[in-house]
Structure formats: C-alpha cells, structure tokens
Amino acid sequence: MRIVPADLDDPRVGTLLARHVHSARAATGRGSAHALDLDALKAPAITCWAAWDDETLLGVAALKALTDAHGEIKSMHTAAECRRRGIGTALLQHVVDAARARGMARLSLETGSWDFFIPARALYRKHGFVECPPFGDYVPDPNSVFMTRELR
C-alpha cells in the first residue's frame, strides 16, 4: 500500500468520496452530516491523501488546518470491499504524522453518533482520541461525536 497526495480530479477518487458523502449523510440526522464533498476538499486549508494498492483505490483521508496548531481530520473513508485490512489505521497514522510535521499540537474530528459510526469511533479511540466538546465552528449536536488528541 502507498499513501500519496490525492488527485481530486481522478474519477476513482471522486467516486469514492461521493460514496463517503452519501453514506455519511444517509447514516446521520438531517443537517448533521459534515462530510465534505469533492469541491470542498479542494480548499487551500485542506490536504487530501489516497491509499492505493497498485491501481486499486483503498481509501482516502484529509487534514484541514483550523489554525497553525490545530488540525481536523476530514473525509476518512476506506472502500467497503477493502475494510478490516488496516487501511484506516494507516491513513489515520499518515494524517497524524502530517499534522505533527506541520507543528500542530492538537488534532480533532467530528463523526456520527449513530451505530453506523461505531467502527470509526472505535478506530479513533484505539489511536488515542478522546471525546471532547465541539470545536471550531461546530455546535453541540446529538448526532455528532467530537474527538481530539494532543500531539505533543
């Protein structure tokens, strides 16, 4: 597996990100899904990576700079047929390493509170993320779980 900057113009990446947005919105309360679409991921404050096995796209993940010291994980998604192979862990570690390399002291995320998101929450907990209050522009929402990890 190799993790490289995502080519957001690659239709395979676009298709996987569209699946991510669709599934996130379908599995949470109306107005509570915060998955970014392809255009939003092109913002200057966001870096997106793709995990590949030869020509097979395995997953994607993004890092959004909220401030110089605080980043947010966005668009973590492993292709359904590739799950349970460590891809999510590899992508998460890649984002953590990138945030540290940029000098960030904290990395946070928002995920859903519904059962669909239990595996995601378990992955983040396994890697040191703990629940926290809303951060950035988020507000309290029973459909969201906010998590954070200190990097220093």
Protein backbone atom coordinates (compact mmCIF):
# COMPACT_ATOMS: atom_id res chain seq x y z
CA MET A 1 0.00 0.00 0.00
CA ARG A 2 1.18 3.50 -0.77
CA ILE A 3 -0.35 6.72 0.55
CA VAL A 4 0.10 9.72 -1.72
CA PRO A 5 -1.50 13.14 -2.21
CA ALA A 6 -4.93 12.51 -3.69
CA ASP A 7 -5.59 13.59 -7.25
CA LEU A 8 -9.04 15.09 -6.70
CA ASP A 9 -9.56 15.14 -10.48
CA ASP A 10 -9.15 11.35 -10.69
CA PRO A 11 -12.65 9.90 -11.23
CA ARG A 12 -11.85 6.94 -8.95
CA VAL A 13 -11.11 9.33 -6.08
CA GLY A 14 -14.22 11.35 -6.89
CA THR A 15 -16.39 8.23 -6.89
CA LEU A 16 -15.05 7.04 -3.53
CA LEU A 17 -15.51 10.48 -1.97
CA ALA A 18 -19.07 10.67 -3.34
CA ARG A 19 -19.79 7.28 -1.72
CA HIS A 20 -18.37 8.62 1.54
CA VAL A 21 -20.58 11.72 1.48
CA HIS A 22 -23.66 9.68 0.52
CA SER A 23 -23.15 7.07 3.25
CA ALA A 24 -22.35 9.68 5.92
CA ARG A 25 -25.46 11.69 5.08
CA ALA A 26 -27.64 8.59 4.93
CA ALA A 27 -26.42 7.37 8.32
CA THR A 28 -26.96 10.51 10.40
CA GLY A 29 -29.62 13.05 11.26
CA ARG A 30 -30.70 15.54 8.65
CA GLY A 31 -28.47 18.61 8.75
CA SER A 32 -25.92 16.87 10.98
CA ALA A 33 -23.64 15.29 8.38
CA HIS A 34 -20.40 17.22 7.98
CA ALA A 35 -18.66 15.13 5.30
CA LEU A 36 -17.02 17.37 2.73
CA ASP A 37 -17.81 16.95 -0.93
CA LEU A 38 -15.15 16.94 -3.63
CA ASP A 39 -15.25 20.70 -4.22
CA ALA A 40 -14.93 21.48 -0.50
CA LEU A 41 -11.85 19.24 -0.27
CA LYS A 42 -10.12 21.49 -2.81
CA ALA A 43 -9.96 24.36 -0.29
CA PRO A 44 -6.44 25.69 0.36
CA ALA A 45 -6.54 24.73 4.06
CA ILE A 46 -7.18 21.06 3.22
CA THR A 47 -4.73 18.36 2.17
CA CYS A 48 -6.17 15.06 0.97
CA TRP A 49 -4.40 11.71 0.58
CA ALA A 50 -5.32 8.46 -1.14
CA ALA A 51 -4.20 4.94 -0.27
CA TRP A 52 -3.53 2.70 -3.26
CA ASP A 53 -2.63 -0.91 -3.93
CA ASP A 54 -1.27 -0.70 -7.47
CA GLU A 55 -4.25 0.80 -9.35
CA THR A 56 -6.86 -0.07 -6.70
CA LEU A 57 -8.02 2.83 -4.57
CA LEU A 58 -8.27 1.63 -0.97
CA GLY A 59 -9.25 4.77 0.92
CA VAL A 60 -8.91 8.49 1.45
CA ALA A 61 -8.28 10.89 4.32
CA ALA A 62 -7.84 14.64 4.66
CA LEU A 63 -6.34 17.15 7.06
CA LYS A 64 -7.92 20.56 7.47
CA ALA A 65 -5.85 23.26 9.15
CA LEU A 66 -8.12 25.07 11.61
CA THR A 67 -5.16 27.08 12.95
CA ASP A 68 -1.40 26.60 12.80
CA ALA A 69 -1.63 24.49 15.96
CA HIS A 70 -4.96 22.68 15.47
CA GLY A 71 -5.99 20.35 12.65
CA GLU A 72 -9.15 18.46 11.84
CA ILE A 73 -9.41 15.02 10.26
CA LYS A 74 -11.88 15.08 7.37
CA SER A 75 -13.16 12.51 4.87
CA MET A 76 -11.65 9.39 6.41
CA HIS A 77 -13.10 6.59 4.31
CA THR A 78 -11.99 3.10 3.37
CA ALA A 79 -13.59 1.42 0.36
CA ALA A 80 -16.19 -1.07 1.65
CA GLU A 81 -14.56 -4.03 -0.09
CA CYS A 82 -11.17 -3.18 1.49
CA ARG A 83 -12.17 -2.83 5.13
CA ARG A 84 -10.63 -4.78 8.03
CA ARG A 85 -7.18 -4.74 6.39
CA GLY A 86 -5.53 -1.90 8.36
CA ILE A 87 -6.11 0.77 5.74
CA GLY A 88 -7.98 3.08 8.11
CA THR A 89 -5.18 2.75 10.66
CA ALA A 90 -2.54 3.52 8.02
CA LEU A 91 -4.45 6.57 6.77
CA LEU A 92 -5.07 7.82 10.30
CA GLN A 93 -1.39 7.48 11.19
CA HIS A 94 -0.47 9.30 7.98
CA VAL A 95 -2.71 12.24 8.93
CA VAL A 96 -1.34 12.28 12.49
CA ASP A 97 2.24 12.28 11.15
CA ALA A 98 1.42 15.08 8.69
CA ALA A 99 -0.17 17.18 11.43
CA ARG A 100 2.89 16.69 13.65
CA ALA A 101 5.22 17.57 10.77
CA ARG A 102 3.30 20.85 10.37
CA GLY A 103 3.83 21.62 14.04
CA MET A 104 0.22 21.06 15.08
CA ALA A 105 -0.30 20.38 18.76
CA ARG A 106 -3.84 19.02 18.51
CA LEU A 107 -5.88 17.01 16.04
CA SER A 108 -9.66 16.80 16.29
CA LEU A 109 -12.54 15.26 14.38
CA GLU A 110 -16.30 15.03 14.17
CA THR A 111 -18.03 11.74 13.48
CA GLY A 112 -21.56 10.46 13.82
CA SER A 113 -23.23 9.24 16.99
CA TRP A 114 -25.35 6.62 15.19
CA ASP A 115 -24.48 2.90 15.21
CA PHE A 116 -23.15 3.14 11.64
CA PHE A 117 -20.19 5.09 13.06
CA ILE A 118 -19.28 2.66 15.88
CA PRO A 119 -16.29 1.24 13.93
CA ALA A 120 -14.99 4.76 13.22
CA ARG A 121 -15.25 5.79 16.86
CA ALA A 122 -13.51 2.57 17.92
CA LEU A 123 -10.65 3.24 15.48
CA TYR A 124 -10.14 6.76 16.79
CA ARG A 125 -10.28 5.64 20.44
CA LYS A 126 -7.77 2.88 19.71
CA HIS A 127 -5.37 5.57 18.48
CA GLY A 128 -5.66 7.89 21.44
CA PHE A 129 -8.59 10.14 20.53
CA VAL A 130 -10.97 11.04 23.34
CA GLU A 131 -14.37 12.69 23.26
CA CYS A 132 -14.37 16.45 23.64
CA PRO A 133 -16.74 19.41 23.31
CA PRO A 134 -17.46 20.85 19.86
CA PHE A 135 -14.51 22.72 18.34
CA GLY A 136 -14.07 25.20 15.51
CA ASP A 137 -17.45 26.14 14.02
CA TYR A 138 -19.27 23.07 15.34
CA VAL A 139 -22.11 23.33 17.83
CA PRO A 140 -23.48 20.70 20.21
CA ASP A 141 -25.45 18.11 18.24
CA PRO A 142 -26.83 14.78 19.48
CA ASN A 143 -26.00 13.29 16.06
CA SER A 144 -22.29 14.15 16.36
CA VAL A 145 -19.41 12.89 18.47
CA PHE A 146 -16.39 15.18 18.75
CA MET A 147 -12.98 13.72 19.49
CA THR A 148 -9.49 15.11 19.94
CA ARG A 149 -5.89 14.03 20.52
CA GLU A 150 -2.95 16.01 21.78
CA LEU A 151 0.07 15.53 19.51
CA ARG A 152 2.83 16.79 21.78
